[in-house]
PDB file of N, CA and C in Angstrom:
ATOM      1  N   UNK A   1     -69.431  23.189 -86.674  1.00  0.00           N
ATOM      2  CA  UNK A   1     -68.344  22.568 -85.949  1.00  0.00           C
ATOM      3  C   UNK A   1     -68.757  22.427 -84.489  1.00  0.00           C
ATOM      4  N   UNK A   2     -68.453  21.310 -83.925  1.00  0.00           N
ATOM      5  CA  UNK A   2     -68.781  21.122 -82.513  1.00  0.00           C
ATOM      6  C   UNK A   2     -67.688  21.736 -81.651  1.00  0.00           C
ATOM      7  N   UNK A   3     -68.024  21.959 -80.394  1.00  0.00           N
ATOM      8  CA  UNK A   3     -67.039  22.561 -79.497  1.00  0.00           C
ATOM      9  C   UNK A   3     -65.826  21.664 -79.319  1.00  0.00           C
ATOM     10  N   UNK A   4     -66.012  20.340 -79.392  1.00  0.00           N
ATOM     11  CA  UNK A   4     -64.847  19.464 -79.253  1.00  0.00           C
ATOM     12  C   UNK A   4     -63.956  19.535 -80.493  1.00  0.00           C
ATOM     13  N   UNK A   5     -64.542  19.746 -81.673  1.00  0.00           N
ATOM     14  CA  UNK A   5     -63.730  19.938 -82.877  1.00  0.00           C
ATOM     15  C   UNK A   5     -62.934  21.229 -82.768  1.00  0.00           C
ATOM     16  N   UNK A   6     -63.555  22.259 -82.229  1.00  0.00           N
ATOM     17  CA  UNK A   6     -62.849  23.515 -82.011  1.00  0.00           C
ATOM     18  C   UNK A   6     -61.709  23.295 -81.023  1.00  0.00           C
ATOM     19  N   UNK A   7     -61.980  22.520 -79.989  1.00  0.00           N
ATOM     20  CA  UNK A   7     -60.942  22.196 -79.019  1.00  0.00           C
ATOM     21  C   UNK A   7     -59.793  21.437 -79.649  1.00  0.00           C
ATOM     22  N   UNK A   8     -60.108  20.531 -80.567  1.00  0.00           N
ATOM     23  CA  UNK A   8     -59.060  19.786 -81.265  1.00  0.00           C
ATOM     24  C   UNK A   8     -58.193  20.721 -82.094  1.00  0.00           C
ATOM     25  N   UNK A   9     -58.794  21.731 -82.712  1.00  0.00           N
ATOM     26  CA  UNK A   9     -58.026  22.692 -83.486  1.00  0.00           C
ATOM     27  C   UNK A   9     -57.135  23.536 -82.575  1.00  0.00           C
ATOM     28  N   UNK A  10     -57.598  23.780 -81.346  1.00  0.00           N
ATOM     29  CA  UNK A  10     -56.826  24.573 -80.387  1.00  0.00           C
ATOM     30  C   UNK A  10     -55.757  23.770 -79.657  1.00  0.00           C
ATOM     31  N   UNK A  11     -55.934  22.486 -79.585  1.00  0.00           N
ATOM     32  CA  UNK A  11     -55.053  21.641 -78.762  1.00  0.00           C
ATOM     33  C   UNK A  11     -53.561  21.853 -79.033  1.00  0.00           C
ATOM     34  N   UNK A  12     -53.117  21.947 -80.293  1.00  0.00           N
ATOM     35  CA  UNK A  12     -51.682  22.168 -80.506  1.00  0.00           C
ATOM     36  C   UNK A  12     -51.170  23.475 -79.893  1.00  0.00           C
ATOM     37  N   UNK A  13     -52.007  24.503 -79.876  1.00  0.00           N
ATOM     38  CA  UNK A  13     -51.583  25.797 -79.333  1.00  0.00           C
ATOM     39  C   UNK A  13     -51.652  25.838 -77.818  1.00  0.00           C
ATOM     40  N   UNK A  14     -52.686  25.223 -77.249  1.00  0.00           N
ATOM     41  CA  UNK A  14     -52.897  25.324 -75.799  1.00  0.00           C
ATOM     42  C   UNK A  14     -52.299  24.158 -75.029  1.00  0.00           C
ATOM     43  N   UNK A  15     -52.155  23.012 -75.690  1.00  0.00           N
ATOM     44  CA  UNK A  15     -51.694  21.816 -75.006  1.00  0.00           C
ATOM     45  C   UNK A  15     -52.759  21.200 -74.116  1.00  0.00           C
ATOM     46  N   UNK A  16     -53.960  21.745 -74.198  1.00  0.00           N
ATOM     47  CA  UNK A  16     -55.077  21.284 -73.371  1.00  0.00           C
ATOM     48  C   UNK A  16     -55.916  20.281 -74.163  1.00  0.00           C
ATOM     49  N   UNK A  17     -56.290  19.154 -73.558  1.00  0.00           N
ATOM     50  CA  UNK A  17     -57.136  18.188 -74.267  1.00  0.00           C
ATOM     51  C   UNK A  17     -58.413  18.844 -74.782  1.00  0.00           C
ATOM     52  N   UNK A  18     -58.834  18.438 -75.976  1.00  0.00           N
ATOM     53  CA  UNK A  18     -59.955  19.072 -76.669  1.00  0.00           C
ATOM     54  C   UNK A  18     -61.219  19.137 -75.824  1.00  0.00           C
ATOM     55  N   UNK A  19     -61.608  18.040 -75.220  1.00  0.00           N
ATOM     56  CA  UNK A  19     -62.855  18.038 -74.458  1.00  0.00           C
ATOM     57  C   UNK A  19     -62.750  18.907 -73.213  1.00  0.00           C
ATOM     58  N   UNK A  20     -61.584  18.920 -72.605  1.00  0.00           N
ATOM     59  CA  UNK A  20     -61.375  19.772 -71.432  1.00  0.00           C
ATOM     60  C   UNK A  20     -61.526  21.242 -71.839  1.00  0.00           C
ATOM     61  N   UNK A  21     -60.909  21.621 -72.967  1.00  0.00           N
ATOM     62  CA  UNK A  21     -61.042  22.995 -73.447  1.00  0.00           C
ATOM     63  C   UNK A  21     -62.509  23.312 -73.725  1.00  0.00           C
ATOM     64  N   UNK A  22     -63.209  22.409 -74.401  1.00  0.00           N
ATOM     65  CA  UNK A  22     -64.607  22.639 -74.760  1.00  0.00           C
ATOM     66  C   UNK A  22     -65.465  22.839 -73.511  1.00  0.00           C
ATOM     67  N   UNK A  23     -65.241  22.032 -72.492  1.00  0.00           N
ATOM     68  CA  UNK A  23     -66.009  22.163 -71.252  1.00  0.00           C
ATOM     69  C   UNK A  23     -65.763  23.517 -70.589  1.00  0.00           C
ATOM     70  N   UNK A  24     -64.495  23.931 -70.553  1.00  0.00           N
ATOM     71  CA  UNK A  24     -64.161  25.210 -69.932  1.00  0.00           C
ATOM     72  C   UNK A  24     -64.669  26.386 -70.770  1.00  0.00           C
ATOM     73  N   UNK A  25     -64.608  26.272 -72.090  1.00  0.00           N
ATOM     74  CA  UNK A  25     -65.114  27.336 -72.966  1.00  0.00           C
ATOM     75  C   UNK A  25     -66.618  27.490 -72.789  1.00  0.00           C
ATOM     76  N   UNK A  26     -67.326  26.392 -72.662  1.00  0.00           N
ATOM     77  CA  UNK A  26     -68.771  26.459 -72.451  1.00  0.00           C
ATOM     78  C   UNK A  26     -69.094  27.188 -71.148  1.00  0.00           C
ATOM     79  N   UNK A  27     -68.316  26.929 -70.113  1.00  0.00           N
ATOM     80  CA  UNK A  27     -68.515  27.628 -68.842  1.00  0.00           C
ATOM     81  C   UNK A  27     -68.312  29.133 -69.024  1.00  0.00           C
ATOM     82  N   UNK A  28     -67.282  29.511 -69.801  1.00  0.00           N
ATOM     83  CA  UNK A  28     -67.034  30.934 -70.048  1.00  0.00           C
ATOM     84  C   UNK A  28     -68.179  31.553 -70.835  1.00  0.00           C
ATOM     85  N   UNK A  29     -68.700  30.828 -71.815  1.00  0.00           N
ATOM     86  CA  UNK A  29     -69.826  31.329 -72.600  1.00  0.00           C
ATOM     87  C   UNK A  29     -71.057  31.512 -71.716  1.00  0.00           C
ATOM     88  N   UNK A  30     -71.264  30.592 -70.814  1.00  0.00           N
ATOM     89  CA  UNK A  30     -72.433  30.650 -69.940  1.00  0.00           C
ATOM     90  C   UNK A  30     -72.434  31.855 -69.015  1.00  0.00           C
ATOM     91  N   UNK A  31     -71.272  32.422 -68.748  1.00  0.00           N
ATOM     92  CA  UNK A  31     -71.203  33.607 -67.880  1.00  0.00           C
ATOM     93  C   UNK A  31     -70.884  34.871 -68.675  1.00  0.00           C
ATOM     94  N   UNK A  32     -71.102  34.817 -69.985  1.00  0.00           N
ATOM     95  CA  UNK A  32     -70.960  36.009 -70.811  1.00  0.00           C
ATOM     96  C   UNK A  32     -69.547  36.377 -71.209  1.00  0.00           C
ATOM     97  N   UNK A  33     -68.635  35.412 -71.207  1.00  0.00           N
ATOM     98  CA  UNK A  33     -67.245  35.692 -71.547  1.00  0.00           C
ATOM     99  C   UNK A  33     -66.885  35.216 -72.953  1.00  0.00           C
ATOM    100  N   UNK A  34     -67.785  35.451 -73.906  1.00  0.00           N
ATOM    101  CA  UNK A  34     -67.522  35.046 -75.290  1.00  0.00           C
ATOM    102  C   UNK A  34     -66.280  35.735 -75.841  1.00  0.00           C
ATOM    103  N   UNK A  35     -66.027  36.955 -75.415  1.00  0.00           N
ATOM    104  CA  UNK A  35     -64.865  37.677 -75.937  1.00  0.00           C
ATOM    105  C   UNK A  35     -63.561  36.971 -75.580  1.00  0.00           C
ATOM    106  N   UNK A  36     -63.506  36.288 -74.437  1.00  0.00           N
ATOM    107  CA  UNK A  36     -62.286  35.560 -74.077  1.00  0.00           C
ATOM    108  C   UNK A  36     -62.099  34.334 -74.975  1.00  0.00           C
ATOM    109  N   UNK A  37     -63.206  33.728 -75.376  1.00  0.00           N
ATOM    110  CA  UNK A  37     -63.138  32.592 -76.306  1.00  0.00           C
ATOM    111  C   UNK A  37     -62.659  33.086 -77.665  1.00  0.00           C
ATOM    112  N   UNK A  38     -63.183  34.214 -78.116  1.00  0.00           N
ATOM    113  CA  UNK A  38     -62.759  34.810 -79.391  1.00  0.00           C
ATOM    114  C   UNK A  38     -61.272  35.123 -79.354  1.00  0.00           C
ATOM    115  N   UNK A  39     -60.814  35.754 -78.279  1.00  0.00           N
ATOM    116  CA  UNK A  39     -59.391  36.094 -78.153  1.00  0.00           C
ATOM    117  C   UNK A  39     -58.504  34.856 -78.205  1.00  0.00           C
ATOM    118  N   UNK A  40     -58.955  33.797 -77.551  1.00  0.00           N
ATOM    119  CA  UNK A  40     -58.157  32.565 -77.544  1.00  0.00           C
ATOM    120  C   UNK A  40     -58.052  31.974 -78.950  1.00  0.00           C
ATOM    121  N   UNK A  41     -59.169  31.954 -79.672  1.00  0.00           N
ATOM    122  CA  UNK A  41     -59.134  31.460 -81.046  1.00  0.00           C
ATOM    123  C   UNK A  41     -58.231  32.324 -81.930  1.00  0.00           C
ATOM    124  N   UNK A  42     -58.345  33.637 -81.810  1.00  0.00           N
ATOM    125  CA  UNK A  42     -57.524  34.522 -82.640  1.00  0.00           C
ATOM    126  C   UNK A  42     -56.043  34.365 -82.322  1.00  0.00           C
ATOM    127  N   UNK A  43     -55.719  34.264 -81.032  1.00  0.00           N
ATOM    128  CA  UNK A  43     -54.317  34.056 -80.652  1.00  0.00           C
ATOM    129  C   UNK A  43     -53.794  32.751 -81.241  1.00  0.00           C
ATOM    130  N   UNK A  44     -54.583  31.686 -81.107  1.00  0.00           N
ATOM    131  CA  UNK A  44     -54.159  30.384 -81.631  1.00  0.00           C
ATOM    132  C   UNK A  44     -54.015  30.435 -83.146  1.00  0.00           C
ATOM    133  N   UNK A  45     -54.938  31.127 -83.822  1.00  0.00           N
ATOM    134  CA  UNK A  45     -54.851  31.249 -85.285  1.00  0.00           C
ATOM    135  C   UNK A  45     -53.585  31.997 -85.679  1.00  0.00           C
ATOM    136  N   UNK A  46     -53.311  33.113 -85.004  1.00  0.00           N
ATOM    137  CA  UNK A  46     -52.145  33.927 -85.340  1.00  0.00           C
ATOM    138  C   UNK A  46     -50.833  33.184 -85.105  1.00  0.00           C
ATOM    139  N   UNK A  47     -50.830  32.249 -84.178  1.00  0.00           N
ATOM    140  CA  UNK A  47     -49.594  31.517 -83.878  1.00  0.00           C
ATOM    141  C   UNK A  47     -49.541  30.144 -84.541  1.00  0.00           C
ATOM    142  N   UNK A  48     -50.561  29.821 -85.337  1.00  0.00           N
ATOM    143  CA  UNK A  48     -50.622  28.474 -85.934  1.00  0.00           C
ATOM    144  C   UNK A  48     -49.828  28.337 -87.229  1.00  0.00           C
ATOM    145  N   UNK A  49     -49.271  29.425 -87.720  1.00  0.00           N
ATOM    146  CA  UNK A  49     -48.487  29.353 -88.943  1.00  0.00           C
ATOM    147  C   UNK A  49     -47.714  30.640 -89.152  1.00  0.00           C
ATOM    148  N   UNK A  50     -46.739  30.568 -90.034  1.00  0.00           N
ATOM    149  CA  UNK A  50     -45.871  31.720 -90.277  1.00  0.00           C
ATOM    150  C   UNK A  50     -46.581  32.873 -90.973  1.00  0.00           C
ATOM    151  N   UNK A  51     -47.590  32.547 -91.770  1.00  0.00           N
ATOM    152  CA  UNK A  51     -48.339  33.578 -92.479  1.00  0.00           C
ATOM    153  C   UNK A  51     -49.792  33.140 -92.608  1.00  0.00           C
ATOM    154  N   UNK A  52     -50.638  34.037 -93.125  1.00  0.00           N
ATOM    155  CA  UNK A  52     -52.071  33.749 -93.192  1.00  0.00           C
ATOM    156  C   UNK A  52     -52.388  32.492 -93.987  1.00  0.00           C
ATOM    157  N   UNK A  53     -51.634  32.225 -95.034  1.00  0.00           N
ATOM    158  CA  UNK A  53     -51.908  31.057 -95.869  1.00  0.00           C
ATOM    159  C   UNK A  53     -51.597  29.743 -95.163  1.00  0.00           C
ATOM    160  N   UNK A  54     -50.659  29.755 -94.255  1.00  0.00           N
ATOM    161  CA  UNK A  54     -50.268  28.510 -93.585  1.00  0.00           C
ATOM    162  C   UNK A  54     -50.967  28.307 -92.241  1.00  0.00           C
ATOM    163  N   UNK A  55     -51.795  29.256 -91.832  1.00  0.00           N
ATOM    164  CA  UNK A  55     -52.474  29.151 -90.536  1.00  0.00           C
ATOM    165  C   UNK A  55     -53.705  28.262 -90.617  1.00  0.00           C
ATOM    166  N   UNK A  56     -54.133  27.803 -89.462  1.00  0.00           N
ATOM    167  CA  UNK A  56     -55.300  26.919 -89.343  1.00  0.00           C
ATOM    168  C   UNK A  56     -56.582  27.737 -89.484  1.00  0.00           C
ATOM    169  N   UNK A  57     -57.242  27.624 -90.624  1.00  0.00           N
ATOM    170  CA  UNK A  57     -58.442  28.401 -90.882  1.00  0.00           C
ATOM    171  C   UNK A  57     -59.608  28.024 -89.979  1.00  0.00           C
ATOM    172  N   UNK A  58     -59.603  26.830 -89.442  1.00  0.00           N
ATOM    173  CA  UNK A  58     -60.647  26.420 -88.505  1.00  0.00           C
ATOM    174  C   UNK A  58     -60.665  27.370 -87.310  1.00  0.00           C
ATOM    175  N   UNK A  59     -59.500  27.741 -86.829  1.00  0.00           N
ATOM    176  CA  UNK A  59     -59.406  28.635 -85.680  1.00  0.00           C
ATOM    177  C   UNK A  59     -59.960  30.013 -86.012  1.00  0.00           C
ATOM    178  N   UNK A  60     -59.633  30.521 -87.175  1.00  0.00           N
ATOM    179  CA  UNK A  60     -60.130  31.841 -87.591  1.00  0.00           C
ATOM    180  C   UNK A  60     -61.647  31.805 -87.772  1.00  0.00           C
ATOM    181  N   UNK A  61     -62.124  30.766 -88.403  1.00  0.00           N
ATOM    182  CA  UNK A  61     -63.564  30.618 -88.639  1.00  0.00           C
ATOM    183  C   UNK A  61     -64.338  30.585 -87.313  1.00  0.00           C
ATOM    184  N   UNK A  62     -63.823  29.856 -86.343  1.00  0.00           N
ATOM    185  CA  UNK A  62     -64.468  29.777 -85.038  1.00  0.00           C
ATOM    186  C   UNK A  62     -64.437  31.126 -84.321  1.00  0.00           C
ATOM    187  N   UNK A  63     -63.309  31.829 -84.395  1.00  0.00           N
ATOM    188  CA  UNK A  63     -63.213  33.158 -83.775  1.00  0.00           C
ATOM    189  C   UNK A  63     -64.246  34.091 -84.369  1.00  0.00           C
ATOM    190  N   UNK A  64     -64.362  34.094 -85.679  1.00  0.00           N
ATOM    191  CA  UNK A  64     -65.325  34.973 -86.339  1.00  0.00           C
ATOM    192  C   UNK A  64     -66.764  34.585 -85.996  1.00  0.00           C
ATOM    193  N   UNK A  65     -67.029  33.300 -85.882  1.00  0.00           N
ATOM    194  CA  UNK A  65     -68.366  32.844 -85.513  1.00  0.00           C
ATOM    195  C   UNK A  65     -68.760  33.388 -84.133  1.00  0.00           C
ATOM    196  N   UNK A  66     -67.896  33.174 -83.157  1.00  0.00           N
ATOM    197  CA  UNK A  66     -68.221  33.618 -81.802  1.00  0.00           C
ATOM    198  C   UNK A  66     -68.233  35.141 -81.701  1.00  0.00           C
ATOM    199  N   UNK A  67     -67.385  35.804 -82.451  1.00  0.00           N
ATOM    200  CA  UNK A  67     -67.398  37.266 -82.443  1.00  0.00           C
ATOM    201  C   UNK A  67     -68.714  37.783 -83.010  1.00  0.00           C
ATOM    202  N   UNK A  68     -69.115  37.223 -84.128  1.00  0.00           N
ATOM    203  CA  UNK A  68     -70.350  37.628 -84.800  1.00  0.00           C
ATOM    204  C   UNK A  68     -71.589  37.320 -83.954  1.00  0.00           C
ATOM    205  N   UNK A  69     -71.525  36.274 -83.163  1.00  0.00           N
ATOM    206  CA  UNK A  69     -72.688  35.819 -82.395  1.00  0.00           C
ATOM    207  C   UNK A  69     -72.539  36.010 -80.894  1.00  0.00           C
ATOM    208  N   UNK A  70     -71.723  36.946 -80.472  1.00  0.00           N
ATOM    209  CA  UNK A  70     -71.502  37.146 -79.035  1.00  0.00           C
ATOM    210  C   UNK A  70     -72.798  37.372 -78.278  1.00  0.00           C
ATOM    211  N   UNK A  71     -73.708  38.128 -78.860  1.00  0.00           N
ATOM    212  CA  UNK A  71     -74.982  38.371 -78.187  1.00  0.00           C
ATOM    213  C   UNK A  71     -75.799  37.085 -78.054  1.00  0.00           C
ATOM    214  N   UNK A  72     -75.743  36.255 -79.072  1.00  0.00           N
ATOM    215  CA  UNK A  72     -76.542  35.028 -79.074  1.00  0.00           C
ATOM    216  C   UNK A  72     -75.990  33.991 -78.104  1.00  0.00           C
ATOM    217  N   UNK A  73     -74.703  34.048 -77.822  1.00  0.00           N
ATOM    218  CA  UNK A  73     -74.107  33.062 -76.911  1.00  0.00           C
ATOM    219  C   UNK A  73     -73.876  33.646 -75.515  1.00  0.00           C
ATOM    220  N   UNK A  74     -74.433  34.805 -75.248  1.00  0.00           N
ATOM    221  CA  UNK A  74     -74.343  35.401 -73.913  1.00  0.00           C
ATOM    222  C   UNK A  74     -75.390  34.732 -73.032  1.00  0.00           C
ATOM    223  N   UNK A  75     -75.126  33.499 -72.678  1.00  0.00           N
ATOM    224  CA  UNK A  75     -76.106  32.667 -71.995  1.00  0.00           C
ATOM    225  C   UNK A  75     -76.503  33.198 -70.627  1.00  0.00           C
ATOM    226  N   UNK A  76     -75.648  33.971 -70.000  1.00  0.00           N
ATOM    227  CA  UNK A  76     -75.991  34.502 -68.676  1.00  0.00           C
ATOM    228  C   UNK A  76     -77.060  35.592 -68.761  1.00  0.00           C
ATOM    229  N   UNK A  77     -77.249  36.164 -69.935  1.00  0.00           N
ATOM    230  CA  UNK A  77     -78.231  37.214 -70.114  1.00  0.00           C
ATOM    231  C   UNK A  77     -79.503  36.625 -70.660  1.00  0.00           C
TER     232      UNK A  77
END
């Protein structure tokens, strides 16, 4: 998934245009703030539906990806 696709999945929760979110998330990743990106995805996933079955799985998948790869995306290091 591209960062803009991730932004599109987040857009309903954040109200922020997808590309704008992607640009800002990349800046956070570049300074080692992957955990803030993970938190944002998890928050959006948790609020995207009444229960786990109705939530946006794209958001959960992205959160898990960045959580699992935090060391690899710590671009400042």
